[in-house]
Amino acid sequence: MAFDPTITDFTTSDTAITSIASAGTSTAKVTDLGSLRDADGDPVRFLHSSDLHLGKSGDTPKAFQNLVKLALERNVDLVVLGGDVYDSADRSAFAQLQFTQGLTRLTEKGIRVFIAHGNHDPVEANFTRVAPLPEGVYTFTAGEPQTFLMTVGATRLAVTGVSFATQKEEANLVHKIGATTVNADLRIAVVHANVEGLPGHDNYAGCSRDDLLNSDIDYWALGHIHDRTVTPMPAGRWWAYPGNLQGRSTKATECGPKGVLIVEAAATGFAEPEFVACDLSRFLRVEAEVTGAEDLSSALDQIGQQARSAIEQDNPLGLPTVVRIAISGATPAHPQLQQLLKGQDEFAETLAQFLPANTSIKKISLDTSAPYDRDRLAARPDVVGAVLIKLDQLRHTATSSSVLDDLIDRAASTIGSPARTLTEQALVLNTITPEEFLDQVERLLIEGLAPSTEDQSELAEGTVQP
């Protein structure tokens, strides 16, 4: 049966009562689910996850099984999913079956599940549903916020959410939710959104931090950003991205432990969310510094020791790990490292002996240089000394955009057009400071002008324009 976006996936066996409640300048659809459990003294406890991306190859299905197991072990009252349950809008049959089976395990134990759709699984996508969702699972409709009210112990809890209608959602869905009002002790909002254009992800359903703050929502359960972010607001309120459930590459947003957040009610609002890893494999970017290494053997030892330490710290359970190693620093072994880099596989095999078992190297990058005595070079009566003196003068005016623009223009012939574009973007995004940019310029020029720092008999020729 083709999916009908007008059908809401909640069962009438809950004896739900639907009404329209006033919400300031907007209206909200409210459904009362009744009592979830008796007042046994336990606080409201829920699991927040998003960006499962089921249907993507790899360990994602097993990570979802870990999510289900964790929810049962921690005896949560509900699970909220902040979008992108599936990796693609067509939602493969196998992924749907995996998801439905997991939901059934949850709902059989009385755990309710609330789902917002995101850009990878929008409501209006055409797909064939292979099985109905089990009773106790509720998906938010697109367009306008929808609220589910319930009593959990002694707490009147409201869960409000809204889904993406299409992949490229442009509306500020957070603002729409924030405009609603519901009579409840605690409120949770579930939505797929990008807060203030966080980089690395499309700016769908963009919103501001003020949109989150200026509402009566106690916990914003967000999805879309794969980096885990937990941000406190006043009076026990939070907005949080749990990140995706399973890393998939050495892209920065895919690295590090991946999992879910467990959240409990506190005397006021909610306590700080607790991160629990659910991933089956780990991706990691390692930075290794070789400054001070006297030769190639010492450099390799330093790289291996630093990489091993970073991997063991990130992955104490010894999960299979894929790493990307970035090597930097000034060392006499710079030429030998460059030579090794020409054979990535051989270089990886050399470093692998230093690393923990179950570790594979995806890529090695090199940003090293030959060491030089800067004071000695600055005293040279040639273009090398003049360059260093000029750079020192520029450092005092590095905050001036005109000075930086002029320097980038002059360096463009050396660093090339693509590198120039990257440099300009890095400065705009504040991922590199003007001082760091000048340091890079200095190193590039010195490497070209003074390949040998010890032999002053070969003075570089040329002049420096003021």
Protein backbone atom coordinates (compact mmCIF):
# COMPACT_ATOMS: atom_id res chain seq x y z
CA MET A 1 0.00 0.00 0.00
CA ALA A 2 1.39 3.41 -0.96
CA PHE A 3 1.98 5.79 1.91
CA ASP A 4 -0.77 8.32 2.57
CA PRO A 5 0.75 11.40 4.21
CA THR A 6 -2.65 12.37 5.66
CA ILE A 7 -2.67 9.29 7.89
CA THR A 8 -1.12 9.76 11.33
CA ASP A 9 0.66 6.72 12.68
CA PHE A 10 -0.99 6.47 16.06
CA THR A 11 -3.49 3.83 17.04
CA THR A 12 -7.04 4.48 18.19
CA SER A 13 -6.63 1.74 20.80
CA ASP A 14 -5.07 4.42 23.04
CA THR A 15 -8.53 5.99 23.25
CA ALA A 16 -6.91 9.25 22.25
CA ILE A 17 -8.94 12.44 22.55
CA THR A 18 -8.15 15.02 19.86
CA SER A 19 -8.86 18.72 20.27
CA ILE A 20 -7.66 22.09 19.05
CA ALA A 21 -5.95 24.20 21.73
CA SER A 22 -5.23 27.90 21.57
CA ALA A 23 -1.53 28.65 21.19
CA GLY A 24 -1.00 32.40 21.16
CA THR A 25 -0.87 33.31 17.49
CA SER A 26 -1.25 29.74 16.31
CA THR A 27 -3.15 26.55 17.02
CA ALA A 28 -1.84 23.15 17.95
CA LYS A 29 -3.39 19.76 17.52
CA VAL A 30 -3.46 18.08 20.93
CA THR A 31 -3.99 14.39 21.57
CA ASP A 32 -4.40 13.11 25.12
CA LEU A 33 -2.91 9.62 25.53
CA GLY A 34 -3.97 9.20 29.13
CA SER A 35 -1.74 7.59 31.76
CA LEU A 36 1.48 5.82 30.79
CA ARG A 37 2.23 4.44 34.24
CA ASP A 38 1.26 4.75 37.89
CA ALA A 39 2.82 7.28 40.25
CA ASP A 40 5.59 5.04 41.59
CA GLY A 41 7.99 7.82 42.52
CA ASP A 42 10.32 7.36 39.54
CA PRO A 43 11.02 10.51 37.51
CA VAL A 44 10.12 10.83 33.85
CA ARG A 45 12.92 9.23 31.86
CA PHE A 46 13.30 9.21 28.08
CA LEU A 47 15.81 8.36 25.37
CA HIS A 48 16.64 10.96 22.72
CA SER A 49 18.09 9.82 19.41
CA SER A 50 18.16 11.06 15.83
CA ASP A 51 19.79 10.46 12.46
CA LEU A 52 19.65 6.67 12.57
CA HIS A 53 20.01 6.57 8.76
CA LEU A 54 18.71 3.01 8.54
CA GLY A 55 19.27 1.54 5.10
CA LYS A 56 22.84 2.79 4.96
CA SER A 57 25.37 -0.02 4.81
CA GLY A 58 27.64 -0.65 7.76
CA ASP A 59 26.92 -1.11 11.44
CA THR A 60 23.84 1.12 11.62
CA PRO A 61 21.29 -1.75 12.02
CA LYS A 62 23.21 -3.22 14.96
CA ALA A 63 23.58 0.22 16.51
CA PHE A 64 19.79 0.54 16.40
CA GLN A 65 19.52 -2.82 18.16
CA ASN A 66 21.80 -1.41 20.85
CA LEU A 67 19.46 1.59 21.16
CA VAL A 68 16.49 -0.71 21.73
CA LYS A 69 18.41 -2.80 24.26
CA LEU A 70 19.51 0.32 26.15
CA ALA A 71 15.97 1.73 26.28
CA LEU A 72 14.72 -1.52 27.81
CA GLU A 73 17.61 -1.78 30.27
CA ARG A 74 17.18 1.82 31.46
CA ASN A 75 13.40 1.42 31.76
CA VAL A 76 12.64 4.64 29.87
CA ASP A 77 9.08 5.88 29.54
CA LEU A 78 9.45 7.03 25.96
CA VAL A 79 11.83 7.28 23.02
CA VAL A 80 11.94 10.43 20.87
CA LEU A 81 13.53 10.36 17.42
CA GLY A 82 14.50 13.70 15.89
CA GLY A 83 14.36 12.77 12.21
CA ASP A 84 16.26 10.93 9.48
CA VAL A 85 15.27 7.50 10.74
CA TYR A 86 15.97 6.32 7.21
CA ASP A 87 18.90 7.21 5.01
CA SER A 88 16.79 7.79 1.92
CA ALA A 89 13.23 8.80 1.16
CA ASP A 90 12.36 5.48 -0.52
CA ARG A 91 12.99 3.63 2.79
CA SER A 92 14.16 0.17 1.80
CA ALA A 93 11.99 -2.78 2.80
CA PHE A 94 14.78 -4.31 4.86
CA ALA A 95 15.35 -1.06 6.79
CA GLN A 96 11.62 -0.73 7.47
CA LEU A 97 11.45 -4.27 8.82
CA GLN A 98 14.44 -3.66 11.08
CA PHE A 99 12.86 -0.49 12.40
CA THR A 100 9.42 -2.02 12.95
CA GLN A 101 10.86 -5.02 14.76
CA GLY A 102 12.78 -2.74 17.12
CA LEU A 103 9.75 -0.56 17.77
CA THR A 104 7.68 -3.65 18.58
CA ARG A 105 10.18 -4.70 21.25
CA LEU A 106 9.86 -1.24 22.81
CA THR A 107 6.09 -0.90 22.70
CA GLU A 108 5.53 -4.42 24.06
CA LYS A 109 7.19 -3.14 27.26
CA GLY A 110 5.01 -0.04 27.39
CA ILE A 111 7.57 2.38 25.95
CA ARG A 112 5.97 5.01 23.71
CA VAL A 113 7.86 6.24 20.65
CA PHE A 114 7.54 9.70 19.04
CA ILE A 115 9.02 10.36 15.60
CA ALA A 116 9.67 13.55 13.64
CA HIS A 117 10.58 13.22 9.97
CA GLY A 118 13.64 15.01 8.57
CA ASN A 119 15.20 15.79 5.20
CA HIS A 120 16.21 12.18 4.49
CA ASP A 121 12.74 10.78 5.25
CA PRO A 122 10.20 13.57 4.60
CA VAL A 123 6.50 12.87 5.08
CA GLU A 124 5.52 13.40 1.44
CA ALA A 125 8.06 10.96 0.01
CA ASN A 126 6.62 8.12 -2.03
CA PHE A 127 7.42 4.70 -0.67
CA THR A 128 5.71 1.39 -0.07
CA ARG A 129 5.10 0.58 3.58
CA VAL A 130 5.97 -3.06 4.25
CA ALA A 131 4.31 -3.25 7.67
CA PRO A 132 2.20 -1.02 9.92
CA LEU A 133 3.88 0.66 12.82
CA PRO A 134 3.02 -0.99 16.14
CA GLU A 135 0.59 0.48 18.65
CA GLY A 136 2.23 3.08 20.83
CA VAL A 137 4.24 4.69 18.01
CA TYR A 138 3.34 8.25 17.00
CA THR A 139 4.67 10.27 14.08
CA PHE A 140 4.31 14.02 13.85
CA THR A 141 2.49 15.44 10.87
CA ALA A 142 4.02 18.07 8.59
CA GLY A 143 3.16 21.73 8.45
CA GLU A 144 1.86 22.57 11.91
CA PRO A 145 2.97 21.32 15.34
CA GLN A 146 1.18 18.45 16.97
CA THR A 147 1.15 17.71 20.70
CA PHE A 148 0.68 14.46 22.63
CA LEU A 149 -0.30 14.83 26.27
CA MET A 150 0.21 12.04 28.81
CA THR A 151 0.51 11.43 32.52
CA VAL A 152 3.77 9.74 33.51
CA GLY A 153 3.62 8.90 37.19
CA ALA A 154 2.65 12.17 38.84
CA THR A 155 3.90 14.32 35.94
CA ARG A 156 1.75 15.80 33.21
CA LEU A 157 4.02 15.59 30.15
CA ALA A 158 3.56 17.12 26.70
CA VAL A 159 5.54 16.06 23.62
CA THR A 160 5.22 18.51 20.73
CA GLY A 161 6.71 18.05 17.28
CA VAL A 162 6.45 18.66 13.58
CA SER A 163 7.87 16.86 10.54
CA PHE A 164 9.45 17.89 7.25
CA ALA A 165 6.90 17.79 4.44
CA THR A 166 9.62 17.70 1.78
CA GLN A 167 13.38 17.33 1.77
CA LYS A 168 14.18 21.03 1.56
CA GLU A 169 12.18 22.39 4.47
CA GLU A 170 12.56 26.18 4.59
CA ALA A 171 10.11 27.04 7.39
CA ASN A 172 11.33 27.81 10.90
CA LEU A 173 9.73 24.80 12.57
CA VAL A 174 11.30 25.62 15.95
CA HIS A 175 9.55 28.99 15.94
CA LYS A 176 6.25 27.27 15.12
CA ILE A 177 6.61 24.91 18.07
CA GLY A 178 7.69 27.73 20.37
CA ALA A 179 4.52 29.65 19.51
CA THR A 180 2.32 26.88 20.96
CA THR A 181 1.19 26.68 24.57
CA VAL A 182 0.10 23.54 26.40
CA ASN A 183 -0.93 23.08 30.02
CA ALA A 184 1.68 20.59 31.26
CA ASP A 185 4.32 20.17 33.97
CA LEU A 186 7.07 19.41 31.47
CA ARG A 187 7.33 19.91 27.72
CA ILE A 188 9.53 18.12 25.18
CA ALA A 189 9.82 19.31 21.58
CA VAL A 190 10.97 16.99 18.78
CA VAL A 191 12.12 18.53 15.49
CA HIS A 192 14.75 18.24 12.75
CA ALA A 193 16.44 21.64 12.44
CA ASN A 194 19.68 23.55 12.05
CA VAL A 195 20.41 26.02 14.86
CA GLU A 196 22.03 29.19 13.50
CA GLY A 197 23.40 27.51 10.38
CA LEU A 198 25.76 25.09 12.08
CA PRO A 199 28.37 24.14 9.42
CA GLY A 200 28.68 20.73 7.78
CA HIS A 201 24.94 20.28 7.18
CA ASP A 202 22.34 21.87 4.93
CA ASN A 203 20.54 24.77 6.59
CA TYR A 204 17.10 23.17 6.50
CA ALA A 205 14.46 24.41 8.98
CA GLY A 206 16.92 26.99 10.20
CA CYS A 207 16.33 28.71 13.52
CA SER A 208 18.12 30.88 16.08
CA ARG A 209 19.17 30.18 19.64
CA ASP A 210 16.65 32.80 20.74
CA ASP A 211 13.89 30.74 19.10
CA LEU A 212 14.84 27.87 21.41
CA LEU A 213 15.27 30.05 24.48
CA ASN A 214 12.13 32.16 24.12
CA SER A 215 9.64 29.32 24.55
CA ASP A 216 8.23 27.24 27.38
CA ILE A 217 9.85 24.05 26.06
CA ASP A 218 11.90 22.31 28.76
CA TYR A 219 13.85 20.05 26.38
CA TRP A 220 14.41 20.55 22.67
CA ALA A 221 15.08 17.10 21.18
CA LEU A 222 16.77 18.09 17.93
CA GLY A 223 18.03 16.15 14.95
CA HIS A 224 20.03 16.87 11.76
CA ILE A 225 23.49 17.78 13.13
CA HIS A 226 25.72 14.69 13.46
CA ASP A 227 27.96 16.28 16.10
CA ARG A 228 26.66 15.74 19.62
CA THR A 229 25.78 19.07 21.25
CA VAL A 230 24.18 19.54 24.67
CA THR A 231 23.45 23.16 25.59
CA PRO A 232 21.94 24.32 28.89
CA MET A 233 19.25 26.98 29.14
CA PRO A 234 17.97 28.61 32.34
CA ALA A 235 15.91 26.69 34.91
CA GLY A 236 16.79 23.12 34.00
CA ARG A 237 16.05 23.52 30.31
CA TRP A 238 18.18 22.15 27.46
CA TRP A 239 18.52 21.96 23.72
CA ALA A 240 20.48 19.03 22.39
CA TYR A 241 21.63 17.12 19.35
CA PRO A 242 22.50 13.52 20.24
CA GLY A 243 24.43 13.17 16.98
CA ASN A 244 23.96 10.26 14.64
CA LEU A 245 23.74 6.72 15.99
CA GLN A 246 26.70 5.26 14.10
CA GLY A 247 29.69 6.95 12.48
CA ARG A 248 30.12 6.26 8.78
CA SER A 249 33.38 7.90 7.66
CA THR A 250 36.37 9.94 8.82
CA LYS A 251 34.52 13.17 8.04
CA ALA A 252 34.81 15.34 11.15
CA THR A 253 31.09 15.16 12.00
CA GLU A 254 31.16 11.36 11.77
CA CYS A 255 34.07 10.85 14.16
CA GLY A 256 34.14 9.94 17.81
CA PRO A 257 31.70 8.00 20.00
CA LYS A 258 28.16 7.88 18.63
CA GLY A 259 24.97 7.04 20.47
CA VAL A 260 22.00 8.51 22.33
CA LEU A 261 21.08 10.76 25.25
CA ILE A 262 19.24 9.54 28.34
CA VAL A 263 17.28 12.35 30.01
CA GLU A 264 15.56 12.39 33.42
CA ALA A 265 13.22 14.90 35.01
CA ALA A 266 14.69 16.86 37.92
CA ALA A 267 13.25 19.07 40.65
CA THR A 268 13.21 21.83 38.07
CA GLY A 269 13.02 20.86 34.41
CA PHE A 270 15.40 18.11 33.36
CA ALA A 271 18.79 16.97 34.66
CA GLU A 272 21.83 17.14 32.39
CA PRO A 273 21.44 14.57 29.58
CA GLU A 274 23.65 11.50 29.82
CA PHE A 275 25.41 10.29 26.68
CA VAL A 276 25.55 6.53 26.10
CA ALA A 277 27.45 5.09 23.12
CA CYS A 278 25.60 2.65 20.85
CA ASP A 279 28.03 2.36 17.93
CA LEU A 280 29.67 -0.86 16.79
CA SER A 281 32.67 0.75 15.12
CA ARG A 282 34.45 4.03 15.50
CA PHE A 283 35.92 6.65 13.15
CA LEU A 284 38.62 9.02 14.33
CA ARG A 285 40.81 11.85 13.12
CA VAL A 286 44.22 11.83 14.81
CA GLU A 287 46.67 14.73 14.87
CA ALA A 288 50.31 13.75 15.40
CA GLU A 289 53.05 16.28 16.11
CA VAL A 290 56.64 15.40 15.13
CA THR A 291 58.45 18.59 16.14
CA GLY A 292 61.68 17.60 17.83
CA ALA A 293 62.00 14.22 16.15
CA GLU A 294 65.66 13.98 15.09
CA ASP A 295 65.24 11.38 12.37
CA LEU A 296 62.66 9.25 10.57
CA SER A 297 62.67 6.50 13.16
CA SER A 298 61.98 8.97 15.96
CA ALA A 299 59.26 10.65 13.91
CA LEU A 300 57.50 7.32 13.30
CA ASP A 301 57.73 6.50 17.01
CA GLN A 302 56.13 9.83 17.92
CA ILE A 303 53.36 9.42 15.36
CA GLY A 304 52.62 5.88 16.50
CA GLN A 305 52.60 6.74 20.21
CA GLN A 306 50.33 9.76 19.77
CA ALA A 307 47.95 7.89 17.46
CA ARG A 308 47.74 4.91 19.81
CA SER A 309 47.07 7.14 22.81
CA ALA A 310 44.31 9.03 20.97
CA ILE A 311 42.67 5.80 19.78
CA GLU A 312 42.75 4.17 23.22
CA GLN A 313 41.33 7.28 24.86
CA ASP A 314 38.52 7.55 22.31
CA ASN A 315 37.85 3.82 22.13
CA PRO A 316 38.58 2.09 25.46
CA LEU A 317 36.42 -0.92 24.53
CA GLY A 318 38.57 -1.69 21.50
CA LEU A 319 35.86 -1.35 18.86
CA PRO A 320 37.00 -1.66 15.24
CA THR A 321 38.39 1.76 14.41
CA VAL A 322 39.12 3.60 11.18
CA VAL A 323 41.53 6.52 11.54
CA ARG A 324 42.72 9.43 9.49
CA ILE A 325 46.14 10.64 10.63
CA ALA A 326 47.30 14.23 10.07
CA ILE A 327 51.01 14.72 10.74
CA SER A 328 52.50 18.16 11.40
CA GLY A 329 55.59 19.76 12.88
CA ALA A 330 59.15 20.73 12.03
CA THR A 331 61.61 17.86 11.81
CA PRO A 332 64.77 16.93 9.90
CA ALA A 333 62.81 13.84 8.82
CA HIS A 334 60.54 16.02 6.68
CA PRO A 335 62.03 14.85 3.30
CA GLN A 336 61.84 11.19 4.33
CA LEU A 337 58.22 11.58 5.47
CA GLN A 338 57.38 13.17 2.14
CA GLN A 339 58.96 10.22 0.37
CA LEU A 340 57.00 7.75 2.49
CA LEU A 341 53.76 9.58 1.72
CA LYS A 342 54.15 8.79 -1.98
CA GLY A 343 53.20 5.23 -1.08
CA GLN A 344 50.15 5.59 1.16
CA ASP A 345 49.69 1.83 1.57
CA GLU A 346 53.29 1.26 2.61
CA PHE A 347 53.18 4.22 4.98
CA ALA A 348 49.96 2.86 6.52
CA GLU A 349 51.52 -0.57 6.97
CA THR A 350 54.52 1.02 8.70
CA LEU A 351 52.32 2.93 11.15
CA ALA A 352 49.86 0.05 11.72
CA GLN A 353 52.41 -1.81 13.85
CA PHE A 354 52.16 0.98 16.44
CA LEU A 355 48.36 0.96 16.62
CA PRO A 356 45.86 -1.15 18.61
CA ALA A 357 44.31 -4.24 17.06
CA ASN A 358 41.15 -3.68 14.97
CA THR A 359 42.54 -0.38 13.68
CA SER A 360 42.77 0.49 10.00
CA ILE A 361 44.20 3.65 8.48
CA LYS A 362 41.96 5.41 5.96
CA LYS A 363 44.31 8.24 5.00
CA ILE A 364 47.56 9.90 6.03
CA SER A 365 48.14 13.60 5.41
CA LEU A 366 51.39 15.46 5.86
CA ASP A 367 51.87 19.08 6.90
CA THR A 368 55.45 18.96 8.11
CA SER A 369 58.43 21.17 7.36
CA ALA A 370 62.17 21.27 7.80
CA PRO A 371 63.22 23.09 10.98
CA TYR A 372 64.95 26.43 10.73
CA ASP A 373 66.56 28.94 13.07
CA ARG A 374 64.28 31.91 12.59
CA ASP A 375 66.50 34.48 14.32
CA ARG A 376 69.45 33.41 12.22
CA LEU A 377 67.42 33.59 9.01
CA ALA A 378 65.96 37.00 9.92
CA ALA A 379 69.52 38.36 10.26
CA ARG A 380 70.49 37.29 6.75
CA PRO A 381 71.23 40.21 4.36
CA ASP A 382 69.09 38.79 1.57
CA VAL A 383 65.46 38.26 0.56
CA VAL A 384 64.97 35.61 3.28
CA GLY A 385 65.76 38.07 6.06
CA ALA A 386 63.68 40.77 4.39
CA VAL A 387 60.67 38.44 4.12
CA LEU A 388 60.78 37.57 7.82
CA ILE A 389 61.09 41.23 8.83
CA LYS A 390 58.13 42.12 6.59
CA LEU A 391 56.01 39.32 8.08
CA ASP A 392 56.78 40.58 11.59
CA GLN A 393 55.55 44.01 10.55
CA LEU A 394 52.37 42.49 9.09
CA ARG A 395 51.64 40.62 12.30
CA HIS A 396 51.11 43.95 14.07
CA THR A 397 48.41 44.88 11.54
CA ALA A 398 47.00 41.40 10.90
CA THR A 399 43.56 42.36 12.18
CA SER A 400 43.16 44.77 9.27
CA SER A 401 41.07 43.18 6.52
CA SER A 402 42.74 45.34 3.84
CA VAL A 403 46.19 44.15 4.91
CA LEU A 404 45.06 40.51 4.83
CA ASP A 405 43.36 40.93 1.46
CA ASP A 406 46.53 42.45 0.02
CA LEU A 407 48.65 39.65 1.46
CA ILE A 408 46.33 36.98 0.07
CA ASP A 409 46.47 38.68 -3.32
CA ARG A 410 50.29 38.69 -3.28
CA ALA A 411 50.45 35.09 -2.10
CA ALA A 412 47.91 33.87 -4.66
CA SER A 413 50.56 33.23 -7.28
CA THR A 414 52.35 30.94 -4.82
CA ILE A 415 49.47 29.18 -3.04
CA GLY A 416 47.27 28.90 -6.13
CA SER A 417 43.65 29.87 -6.77
CA PRO A 418 41.95 26.90 -5.02
CA ALA A 419 44.12 27.33 -1.94
CA ARG A 420 43.40 31.05 -1.97
CA THR A 421 39.65 30.37 -1.92
CA LEU A 422 40.04 27.94 0.96
CA THR A 423 42.13 30.47 2.87
CA GLU A 424 39.54 33.22 2.42
CA GLN A 425 36.75 30.87 3.55
CA ALA A 426 38.79 29.73 6.56
CA LEU A 427 39.32 33.32 7.66
CA VAL A 428 35.63 34.15 7.26
CA LEU A 429 34.57 31.05 9.24
CA ASN A 430 37.19 31.76 11.92
CA THR A 431 38.69 28.29 11.49
CA ILE A 432 42.07 29.96 11.04
CA THR A 433 43.25 33.17 12.64
CA PRO A 434 45.15 35.88 10.75
CA GLU A 435 48.22 35.02 12.85
CA GLU A 436 47.99 31.34 11.87
CA PHE A 437 47.63 32.35 8.23
CA LEU A 438 50.79 34.46 8.46
CA ASP A 439 52.62 31.54 10.06
CA GLN A 440 51.63 29.35 7.12
CA VAL A 441 52.74 31.99 4.63
CA GLU A 442 56.07 32.28 6.43
CA ARG A 443 56.66 28.55 6.35
CA LEU A 444 55.79 28.25 2.65
CA LEU A 445 58.09 31.13 1.72
CA ILE A 446 60.97 29.91 3.86
CA GLU A 447 60.72 26.42 2.41
CA GLY A 448 60.97 27.91 -1.07
CA LEU A 449 63.56 30.56 -0.40
CA ALA A 450 65.82 28.84 2.13
CA PRO A 451 65.72 25.06 1.58
CA SER A 452 68.87 24.72 3.67
CA THR A 453 68.89 26.59 6.97
CA GLU A 454 72.44 25.58 7.84
CA ASP A 455 74.25 26.58 4.66
CA GLN A 456 74.40 30.37 4.47
CA SER A 457 76.78 30.25 1.53
CA GLU A 458 73.78 29.88 -0.77
CA LEU A 459 71.99 33.14 -0.15
CA ALA A 460 68.64 33.60 -1.84
CA GLU A 461 68.51 36.38 -4.39
CA GLY A 462 65.79 38.92 -4.97
CA THR A 463 64.08 41.87 -3.38
CA VAL A 464 60.95 42.35 -1.32
CA GLN A 465 58.45 45.05 -2.28
CA PRO A 466 57.35 47.24 0.65
